[in-house]
Amino acid sequence: MLKLNGWQRLWVVLSIAYLPVIVIFATETWVDESRYSQTRVIDSLELVRDILQKENPSKILPNSYNLRFDFYKDLSDEDIIQALHRKYSDQADFSQVEREYRGNVENLPMENLKRVGVGSLVWLGPVVTVYVFGLAFVWIRNGFRGQRP
């Protein structure tokens, strides 16, 4: 069995205790397709809102986020997109919004893999740094005591 002194055991326990913090952070920043779908709807509603505002400049329209929840609260994101495309495709160019959405969805696995990598480094960096500082401290302390490591 691996022999660890008290400080090394403390380092192992603290390293393991620090891991859930990183896991929680990583899961909170994890992105799934629904986040991009919501952005797609809001951006599409913004295009429609701009068209409606130009048609009736004296009328003040709510922002896109409020439009989504005031007029389309019972519909899914995909249903809203289909309804907007059906009704406004001759007036609005949704192609840029659709390109961004498709690109984001295609890059989703790579983006989440980056999040895993960053989370691993955020955990590993401090853990290794603390261990190296601990080794340096022991080396310095032993130098003052006249001991050889």
N, C-alpha and C. Protein backbone atom coordinates (compact mmCIF):
# COMPACT_ATOMS: atom_id res chain seq x y z
N MET A 1 0.83 -1.18 0.00
CA MET A 1 0.00 0.00 0.00
C MET A 1 0.88 1.25 0.00
N LEU A 2 0.39 2.29 -0.63
CA LEU A 2 1.12 3.54 -0.74
C LEU A 2 1.22 4.21 0.62
N LYS A 3 2.42 4.58 1.00
CA LYS A 3 2.62 5.23 2.29
C LYS A 3 2.59 6.74 2.11
N LEU A 4 1.66 7.39 2.78
CA LEU A 4 1.53 8.85 2.72
C LEU A 4 1.67 9.41 4.12
N ASN A 5 2.38 10.57 4.20
CA ASN A 5 2.46 11.23 5.50
C ASN A 5 1.18 12.04 5.73
N GLY A 6 1.07 12.67 6.86
CA GLY A 6 -0.14 13.41 7.22
C GLY A 6 -0.48 14.52 6.25
N TRP A 7 0.54 15.26 5.80
CA TRP A 7 0.31 16.37 4.87
C TRP A 7 -0.18 15.86 3.51
N GLN A 8 0.40 14.76 3.07
CA GLN A 8 -0.04 14.18 1.79
C GLN A 8 -1.48 13.66 1.89
N ARG A 9 -1.81 13.09 3.03
CA ARG A 9 -3.19 12.63 3.23
C ARG A 9 -4.15 13.82 3.23
N LEU A 10 -3.75 14.91 3.88
CA LEU A 10 -4.58 16.12 3.88
C LEU A 10 -4.74 16.64 2.46
N TRP A 11 -3.66 16.61 1.69
CA TRP A 11 -3.72 17.06 0.29
C TRP A 11 -4.69 16.20 -0.51
N VAL A 12 -4.66 14.88 -0.33
CA VAL A 12 -5.57 13.99 -1.05
C VAL A 12 -7.02 14.30 -0.67
N VAL A 13 -7.29 14.45 0.62
CA VAL A 13 -8.66 14.72 1.07
C VAL A 13 -9.15 16.06 0.52
N LEU A 14 -8.33 17.09 0.59
CA LEU A 14 -8.74 18.40 0.07
C LEU A 14 -8.91 18.38 -1.45
N SER A 15 -8.06 17.64 -2.13
CA SER A 15 -8.19 17.52 -3.58
C SER A 15 -9.51 16.86 -3.96
N ILE A 16 -9.86 15.83 -3.24
CA ILE A 16 -11.13 15.14 -3.50
C ILE A 16 -12.31 16.03 -3.11
N ALA A 17 -12.18 16.76 -2.01
CA ALA A 17 -13.26 17.66 -1.58
C ALA A 17 -13.46 18.81 -2.56
N TYR A 18 -12.41 19.23 -3.25
CA TYR A 18 -12.47 20.32 -4.22
C TYR A 18 -13.13 19.87 -5.52
N LEU A 19 -13.09 18.59 -5.81
CA LEU A 19 -13.61 18.06 -7.07
C LEU A 19 -15.11 18.33 -7.27
N PRO A 20 -15.97 18.15 -6.27
CA PRO A 20 -17.40 18.44 -6.50
C PRO A 20 -17.67 19.90 -6.87
N VAL A 21 -16.86 20.81 -6.36
CA VAL A 21 -17.02 22.22 -6.73
C VAL A 21 -16.84 22.38 -8.23
N ILE A 22 -15.83 21.74 -8.77
CA ILE A 22 -15.55 21.82 -10.20
C ILE A 22 -16.64 21.11 -11.00
N VAL A 23 -17.09 19.97 -10.52
CA VAL A 23 -18.15 19.23 -11.21
C VAL A 23 -19.44 20.07 -11.25
N ILE A 24 -19.78 20.71 -10.15
CA ILE A 24 -20.97 21.57 -10.12
C ILE A 24 -20.80 22.73 -11.09
N PHE A 25 -19.64 23.35 -11.08
CA PHE A 25 -19.37 24.45 -12.01
C PHE A 25 -19.50 23.98 -13.45
N ALA A 26 -18.95 22.82 -13.76
CA ALA A 26 -19.00 22.30 -15.13
C ALA A 26 -20.43 21.98 -15.55
N THR A 27 -21.22 21.40 -14.65
CA THR A 27 -22.60 21.08 -15.01
C THR A 27 -23.45 22.33 -15.17
N GLU A 28 -23.14 23.37 -14.41
CA GLU A 28 -23.90 24.62 -14.54
C GLU A 28 -23.58 25.35 -15.84
N THR A 29 -22.39 25.17 -16.36
CA THR A 29 -22.02 25.83 -17.61
C THR A 29 -22.21 24.93 -18.82
N TRP A 30 -22.65 23.70 -18.59
CA TRP A 30 -22.87 22.74 -19.68
C TRP A 30 -23.95 23.28 -20.61
N VAL A 31 -23.73 23.17 -21.89
CA VAL A 31 -24.67 23.70 -22.87
C VAL A 31 -25.32 22.53 -23.61
N ASP A 32 -26.63 22.61 -23.77
CA ASP A 32 -27.32 21.64 -24.60
C ASP A 32 -28.06 22.38 -25.72
N GLU A 33 -28.66 21.63 -26.58
CA GLU A 33 -29.28 22.22 -27.76
C GLU A 33 -30.40 23.19 -27.40
N SER A 34 -31.05 22.99 -26.26
CA SER A 34 -32.18 23.85 -25.88
C SER A 34 -31.74 25.31 -25.70
N ARG A 35 -30.53 25.53 -25.22
CA ARG A 35 -30.06 26.90 -25.06
C ARG A 35 -29.94 27.59 -26.41
N TYR A 36 -29.41 26.86 -27.39
CA TYR A 36 -29.30 27.44 -28.73
C TYR A 36 -30.67 27.57 -29.39
N SER A 37 -31.56 26.67 -29.06
CA SER A 37 -32.92 26.74 -29.60
C SER A 37 -33.63 27.99 -29.07
N GLN A 38 -33.44 28.30 -27.81
CA GLN A 38 -34.04 29.51 -27.23
C GLN A 38 -33.47 30.76 -27.89
N THR A 39 -32.18 30.78 -28.11
CA THR A 39 -31.54 31.92 -28.78
C THR A 39 -32.08 32.07 -30.20
N ARG A 40 -32.26 30.94 -30.87
CA ARG A 40 -32.82 30.95 -32.23
C ARG A 40 -34.20 31.58 -32.24
N VAL A 41 -35.04 31.22 -31.29
CA VAL A 41 -36.39 31.78 -31.22
C VAL A 41 -36.34 33.28 -30.93
N ILE A 42 -35.55 33.67 -29.98
CA ILE A 42 -35.47 35.10 -29.62
C ILE A 42 -34.94 35.91 -30.79
N ASP A 43 -33.91 35.41 -31.47
CA ASP A 43 -33.37 36.13 -32.63
C ASP A 43 -34.39 36.21 -33.76
N SER A 44 -35.14 35.14 -33.99
CA SER A 44 -36.17 35.15 -35.02
C SER A 44 -37.28 36.12 -34.66
N LEU A 45 -37.67 36.12 -33.41
CA LEU A 45 -38.70 37.08 -32.95
C LEU A 45 -38.21 38.52 -33.09
N GLU A 46 -36.93 38.72 -32.89
CA GLU A 46 -36.37 40.06 -33.05
C GLU A 46 -36.49 40.52 -34.50
N LEU A 47 -36.24 39.63 -35.44
CA LEU A 47 -36.42 39.98 -36.85
C LEU A 47 -37.87 40.36 -37.14
N VAL A 48 -38.79 39.56 -36.65
CA VAL A 48 -40.22 39.83 -36.86
C VAL A 48 -40.62 41.12 -36.17
N ARG A 49 -40.13 41.32 -34.97
CA ARG A 49 -40.43 42.54 -34.22
C ARG A 49 -39.99 43.77 -35.01
N ASP A 50 -38.81 43.72 -35.60
CA ASP A 50 -38.31 44.85 -36.40
C ASP A 50 -39.22 45.12 -37.60
N ILE A 51 -39.72 44.06 -38.25
CA ILE A 51 -40.63 44.22 -39.39
C ILE A 51 -41.93 44.87 -38.92
N LEU A 52 -42.48 44.37 -37.84
CA LEU A 52 -43.74 44.92 -37.33
C LEU A 52 -43.57 46.37 -36.87
N GLN A 53 -42.42 46.66 -36.30
CA GLN A 53 -42.16 48.03 -35.84
C GLN A 53 -42.07 48.98 -37.03
N LYS A 54 -41.46 48.55 -38.13
CA LYS A 54 -41.38 49.38 -39.33
C LYS A 54 -42.74 49.59 -39.96
N GLU A 55 -43.60 48.57 -39.89
CA GLU A 55 -44.93 48.69 -40.46
C GLU A 55 -45.81 49.65 -39.66
N ASN A 56 -45.57 49.69 -38.36
CA ASN A 56 -46.38 50.55 -37.50
C ASN A 56 -45.47 51.24 -36.48
N PRO A 57 -44.78 52.31 -36.93
CA PRO A 57 -43.79 52.94 -36.06
C PRO A 57 -44.37 53.58 -34.80
N SER A 58 -45.63 53.93 -34.81
CA SER A 58 -46.22 54.59 -33.64
C SER A 58 -46.52 53.60 -32.52
N LYS A 59 -46.59 52.32 -32.85
CA LYS A 59 -46.90 51.30 -31.85
C LYS A 59 -45.61 50.83 -31.18
N ILE A 60 -45.61 50.78 -29.89
CA ILE A 60 -44.44 50.31 -29.14
C ILE A 60 -44.64 48.82 -28.83
N LEU A 61 -43.73 48.02 -29.36
CA LEU A 61 -43.82 46.57 -29.17
C LEU A 61 -42.91 46.13 -28.03
N PRO A 62 -43.31 45.07 -27.34
CA PRO A 62 -42.43 44.54 -26.29
C PRO A 62 -41.17 43.94 -26.90
N ASN A 63 -40.17 43.74 -26.07
CA ASN A 63 -38.94 43.13 -26.59
C ASN A 63 -39.20 41.68 -26.96
N SER A 64 -38.24 41.08 -27.64
CA SER A 64 -38.40 39.73 -28.18
C SER A 64 -38.63 38.69 -27.09
N TYR A 65 -37.96 38.86 -25.99
CA TYR A 65 -38.12 37.91 -24.89
C TYR A 65 -39.55 37.93 -24.38
N ASN A 66 -40.09 39.13 -24.19
CA ASN A 66 -41.48 39.25 -23.74
C ASN A 66 -42.46 38.77 -24.79
N LEU A 67 -42.15 39.01 -26.06
CA LEU A 67 -43.01 38.50 -27.14
C LEU A 67 -43.12 36.98 -27.05
N ARG A 68 -42.01 36.35 -26.80
CA ARG A 68 -41.99 34.89 -26.74
C ARG A 68 -42.93 34.38 -25.65
N PHE A 69 -42.87 35.01 -24.49
CA PHE A 69 -43.65 34.51 -23.36
C PHE A 69 -45.05 35.11 -23.27
N ASP A 70 -45.30 36.21 -23.94
CA ASP A 70 -46.65 36.79 -23.95
C ASP A 70 -47.53 36.14 -25.01
N PHE A 71 -46.96 35.85 -26.18
CA PHE A 71 -47.78 35.38 -27.29
C PHE A 71 -47.57 33.91 -27.64
N TYR A 72 -46.46 33.34 -27.22
CA TYR A 72 -46.14 31.96 -27.64
C TYR A 72 -45.81 31.06 -26.46
N LYS A 73 -46.33 31.36 -25.29
CA LYS A 73 -45.92 30.61 -24.10
C LYS A 73 -46.31 29.13 -24.13
N ASP A 74 -47.35 28.79 -24.89
CA ASP A 74 -47.80 27.39 -24.92
C ASP A 74 -47.16 26.58 -26.04
N LEU A 75 -46.32 27.20 -26.85
CA LEU A 75 -45.71 26.51 -27.99
C LEU A 75 -44.25 26.15 -27.69
N SER A 76 -43.81 25.08 -28.30
CA SER A 76 -42.39 24.71 -28.19
C SER A 76 -41.57 25.65 -29.07
N ASP A 77 -40.28 25.65 -28.85
CA ASP A 77 -39.40 26.50 -29.67
C ASP A 77 -39.53 26.16 -31.15
N GLU A 78 -39.58 24.88 -31.46
CA GLU A 78 -39.68 24.46 -32.86
C GLU A 78 -41.01 24.90 -33.47
N ASP A 79 -42.09 24.82 -32.70
CA ASP A 79 -43.40 25.27 -33.20
C ASP A 79 -43.40 26.77 -33.47
N ILE A 80 -42.75 27.52 -32.62
CA ILE A 80 -42.66 28.97 -32.82
C ILE A 80 -41.89 29.28 -34.09
N ILE A 81 -40.76 28.60 -34.27
CA ILE A 81 -39.94 28.81 -35.48
C ILE A 81 -40.76 28.52 -36.73
N GLN A 82 -41.46 27.40 -36.72
CA GLN A 82 -42.28 27.04 -37.89
C GLN A 82 -43.36 28.08 -38.15
N ALA A 83 -44.01 28.55 -37.09
CA ALA A 83 -45.06 29.56 -37.25
C ALA A 83 -44.49 30.86 -37.80
N LEU A 84 -43.35 31.27 -37.29
CA LEU A 84 -42.73 32.52 -37.77
C LEU A 84 -42.30 32.39 -39.23
N HIS A 85 -41.72 31.27 -39.57
CA HIS A 85 -41.28 31.06 -40.95
C HIS A 85 -42.47 31.02 -41.91
N ARG A 86 -43.55 30.36 -41.47
CA ARG A 86 -44.75 30.30 -42.31
C ARG A 86 -45.32 31.70 -42.56
N LYS A 87 -45.38 32.48 -41.51
CA LYS A 87 -46.07 33.77 -41.61
C LYS A 87 -45.19 34.88 -42.17
N TYR A 88 -43.88 34.86 -41.87
CA TYR A 88 -43.04 36.01 -42.21
C TYR A 88 -41.89 35.69 -43.15
N SER A 89 -41.84 34.50 -43.72
CA SER A 89 -40.69 34.14 -44.56
C SER A 89 -40.56 35.04 -45.79
N ASP A 90 -41.66 35.61 -46.26
CA ASP A 90 -41.58 36.52 -47.42
C ASP A 90 -41.11 37.91 -47.02
N GLN A 91 -41.16 38.24 -45.71
CA GLN A 91 -40.75 39.57 -45.24
C GLN A 91 -39.41 39.56 -44.52
N ALA A 92 -39.08 38.47 -43.89
CA ALA A 92 -37.86 38.41 -43.08
C ALA A 92 -36.91 37.35 -43.62
N ASP A 93 -35.64 37.64 -43.53
CA ASP A 93 -34.61 36.69 -43.94
C ASP A 93 -34.07 35.99 -42.68
N PHE A 94 -34.56 34.79 -42.46
CA PHE A 94 -34.18 34.01 -41.28
C PHE A 94 -32.90 33.20 -41.50
N SER A 95 -32.29 33.33 -42.68
CA SER A 95 -31.16 32.45 -43.03
C SER A 95 -29.97 32.63 -42.09
N GLN A 96 -29.65 33.86 -41.69
CA GLN A 96 -28.52 34.08 -40.79
C GLN A 96 -28.77 33.43 -39.43
N VAL A 97 -29.98 33.59 -38.91
CA VAL A 97 -30.34 32.98 -37.62
C VAL A 97 -30.23 31.46 -37.72
N GLU A 98 -30.72 30.91 -38.82
CA GLU A 98 -30.68 29.46 -39.00
C GLU A 98 -29.25 28.95 -39.15
N ARG A 99 -28.40 29.70 -39.87
CA ARG A 99 -26.98 29.31 -40.01
C ARG A 99 -26.28 29.28 -38.65
N GLU A 100 -26.52 30.32 -37.87
CA GLU A 100 -25.91 30.37 -36.54
C GLU A 100 -26.37 29.21 -35.67
N TYR A 101 -27.67 28.95 -35.73
CA TYR A 101 -28.21 27.85 -34.93
C TYR A 101 -27.59 26.51 -35.34
N ARG A 102 -27.59 26.24 -36.63
CA ARG A 102 -27.02 24.97 -37.12
C ARG A 102 -25.54 24.86 -36.77
N GLY A 103 -24.81 25.96 -36.93
CA GLY A 103 -23.39 25.95 -36.59
C GLY A 103 -23.16 25.68 -35.11
N ASN A 104 -23.97 26.32 -34.27
CA ASN A 104 -23.85 26.10 -32.82
C ASN A 104 -24.16 24.67 -32.45
N VAL A 105 -25.20 24.09 -33.05
CA VAL A 105 -25.57 22.71 -32.74
C VAL A 105 -24.49 21.75 -33.23
N GLU A 106 -23.92 22.01 -34.39
CA GLU A 106 -22.85 21.14 -34.89
C GLU A 106 -21.61 21.20 -34.02
N ASN A 107 -21.31 22.38 -33.47
CA ASN A 107 -20.12 22.56 -32.63
C ASN A 107 -20.35 22.19 -31.17
N LEU A 108 -21.57 21.83 -30.83
CA LEU A 108 -21.92 21.56 -29.43
C LEU A 108 -21.05 20.50 -28.77
N PRO A 109 -20.81 19.34 -29.40
CA PRO A 109 -19.95 18.35 -28.74
C PRO A 109 -18.54 18.88 -28.45
N MET A 110 -17.98 19.63 -29.39
CA MET A 110 -16.63 20.18 -29.19
C MET A 110 -16.62 21.23 -28.08
N GLU A 111 -17.66 22.06 -28.04
CA GLU A 111 -17.75 23.08 -26.99
C GLU A 111 -17.84 22.44 -25.61
N ASN A 112 -18.62 21.39 -25.49
CA ASN A 112 -18.73 20.72 -24.19
C ASN A 112 -17.46 19.96 -23.84
N LEU A 113 -16.76 19.43 -24.85
CA LEU A 113 -15.48 18.80 -24.59
C LEU A 113 -14.47 19.83 -24.07
N LYS A 114 -14.52 21.03 -24.62
CA LYS A 114 -13.66 22.11 -24.11
C LYS A 114 -13.99 22.42 -22.66
N ARG A 115 -15.28 22.41 -22.32
CA ARG A 115 -15.68 22.68 -20.94
C ARG A 115 -15.13 21.61 -19.99
N VAL A 116 -15.15 20.36 -20.44
CA VAL A 116 -14.58 19.28 -19.63
C VAL A 116 -13.08 19.51 -19.45
N GLY A 117 -12.40 19.89 -20.53
CA GLY A 117 -10.96 20.16 -20.45
C GLY A 117 -10.64 21.32 -19.53
N VAL A 118 -11.39 22.39 -19.65
CA VAL A 118 -11.17 23.55 -18.78
C VAL A 118 -11.45 23.18 -17.33
N GLY A 119 -12.54 22.45 -17.10
CA GLY A 119 -12.86 22.02 -15.74
C GLY A 119 -11.76 21.15 -15.15
N SER A 120 -11.21 20.27 -15.97
CA SER A 120 -10.11 19.41 -15.51
C SER A 120 -8.89 20.24 -15.14
N LEU A 121 -8.59 21.23 -15.96
CA LEU A 121 -7.44 22.08 -15.66
C LEU A 121 -7.68 22.95 -14.44
N VAL A 122 -8.91 23.42 -14.28
CA VAL A 122 -9.24 24.25 -13.11
C VAL A 122 -9.12 23.42 -11.84
N TRP A 123 -9.38 22.11 -11.94
CA TRP A 123 -9.21 21.25 -10.78
C TRP A 123 -7.74 20.87 -10.60
N LEU A 124 -7.10 20.44 -11.68
CA LEU A 124 -5.74 19.91 -11.61
C LEU A 124 -4.71 20.99 -11.27
N GLY A 125 -4.89 22.18 -11.83
CA GLY A 125 -3.92 23.26 -11.60
C GLY A 125 -3.69 23.55 -10.12
N PRO A 126 -4.74 23.91 -9.37
CA PRO A 126 -4.54 24.18 -7.95
C PRO A 126 -4.08 22.96 -7.15
N VAL A 127 -4.56 21.77 -7.52
CA VAL A 127 -4.17 20.56 -6.80
C VAL A 127 -2.67 20.33 -6.93
N VAL A 128 -2.15 20.42 -8.14
CA VAL A 128 -0.72 20.22 -8.37
C VAL A 128 0.08 21.35 -7.72
N THR A 129 -0.41 22.57 -7.85
CA THR A 129 0.29 23.72 -7.27
C THR A 129 0.42 23.58 -5.75
N VAL A 130 -0.65 23.19 -5.09
CA VAL A 130 -0.60 23.01 -3.63
C VAL A 130 0.40 21.90 -3.27
N TYR A 131 0.41 20.81 -4.03
CA TYR A 131 1.34 19.73 -3.74
C TYR A 131 2.79 20.18 -3.92
N VAL A 132 3.05 20.91 -5.00
CA VAL A 132 4.41 21.41 -5.25
C VAL A 132 4.84 22.38 -4.15
N PHE A 133 3.93 23.26 -3.74
CA PHE A 133 4.27 24.17 -2.63
C PHE A 133 4.52 23.38 -1.34
N GLY A 134 3.77 22.31 -1.13
CA GLY A 134 4.00 21.47 0.04
C GLY A 134 5.38 20.82 0.00
N LEU A 135 5.75 20.31 -1.17
CA LEU A 135 7.10 19.72 -1.31
C LEU A 135 8.18 20.77 -1.07
N ALA A 136 7.95 21.97 -1.62
CA ALA A 136 8.93 23.05 -1.42
C ALA A 136 9.04 23.42 0.05
N PHE A 137 7.91 23.48 0.74
CA PHE A 137 7.91 23.81 2.16
C PHE A 137 8.70 22.77 2.96
N VAL A 138 8.47 21.50 2.68
CA VAL A 138 9.19 20.43 3.38
C VAL A 138 10.68 20.51 3.08
N TRP A 139 11.04 20.77 1.84
CA TRP A 139 12.44 20.88 1.44
C TRP A 139 13.11 22.04 2.19
N ILE A 140 12.42 23.18 2.26
CA ILE A 140 12.98 24.35 2.97
C ILE A 140 13.09 24.05 4.46
N ARG A 141 12.04 23.48 5.05
CA ARG A 141 12.05 23.16 6.47
C ARG A 141 13.18 22.19 6.81
N ASN A 142 13.35 21.18 5.97
CA ASN A 142 14.43 20.22 6.21
C ASN A 142 15.80 20.88 6.07
N GLY A 143 15.91 21.89 5.22
CA GLY A 143 17.18 22.61 5.08
C GLY A 143 17.54 23.36 6.34
N PHE A 144 16.56 23.93 7.02
CA PHE A 144 16.81 24.63 8.25
C PHE A 144 17.14 23.67 9.40
N ARG A 145 16.62 22.49 9.30
CA ARG A 145 16.87 21.48 10.37
C ARG A 145 18.16 20.73 10.09
N GLY A 146 18.76 20.95 8.95
CA GLY A 146 19.99 20.26 8.60
C GLY A 146 19.77 18.83 8.17
N GLN A 147 18.54 18.49 7.76
CA GLN A 147 18.24 17.13 7.32
C GLN A 147 18.35 17.04 5.81
N ARG A 148 18.67 15.84 5.38
CA ARG A 148 18.68 15.55 3.94
C ARG A 148 17.31 14.95 3.57
N PRO A 149 16.75 15.35 2.43
CA PRO A 149 15.45 14.79 2.06
C PRO A 149 15.52 13.33 1.72
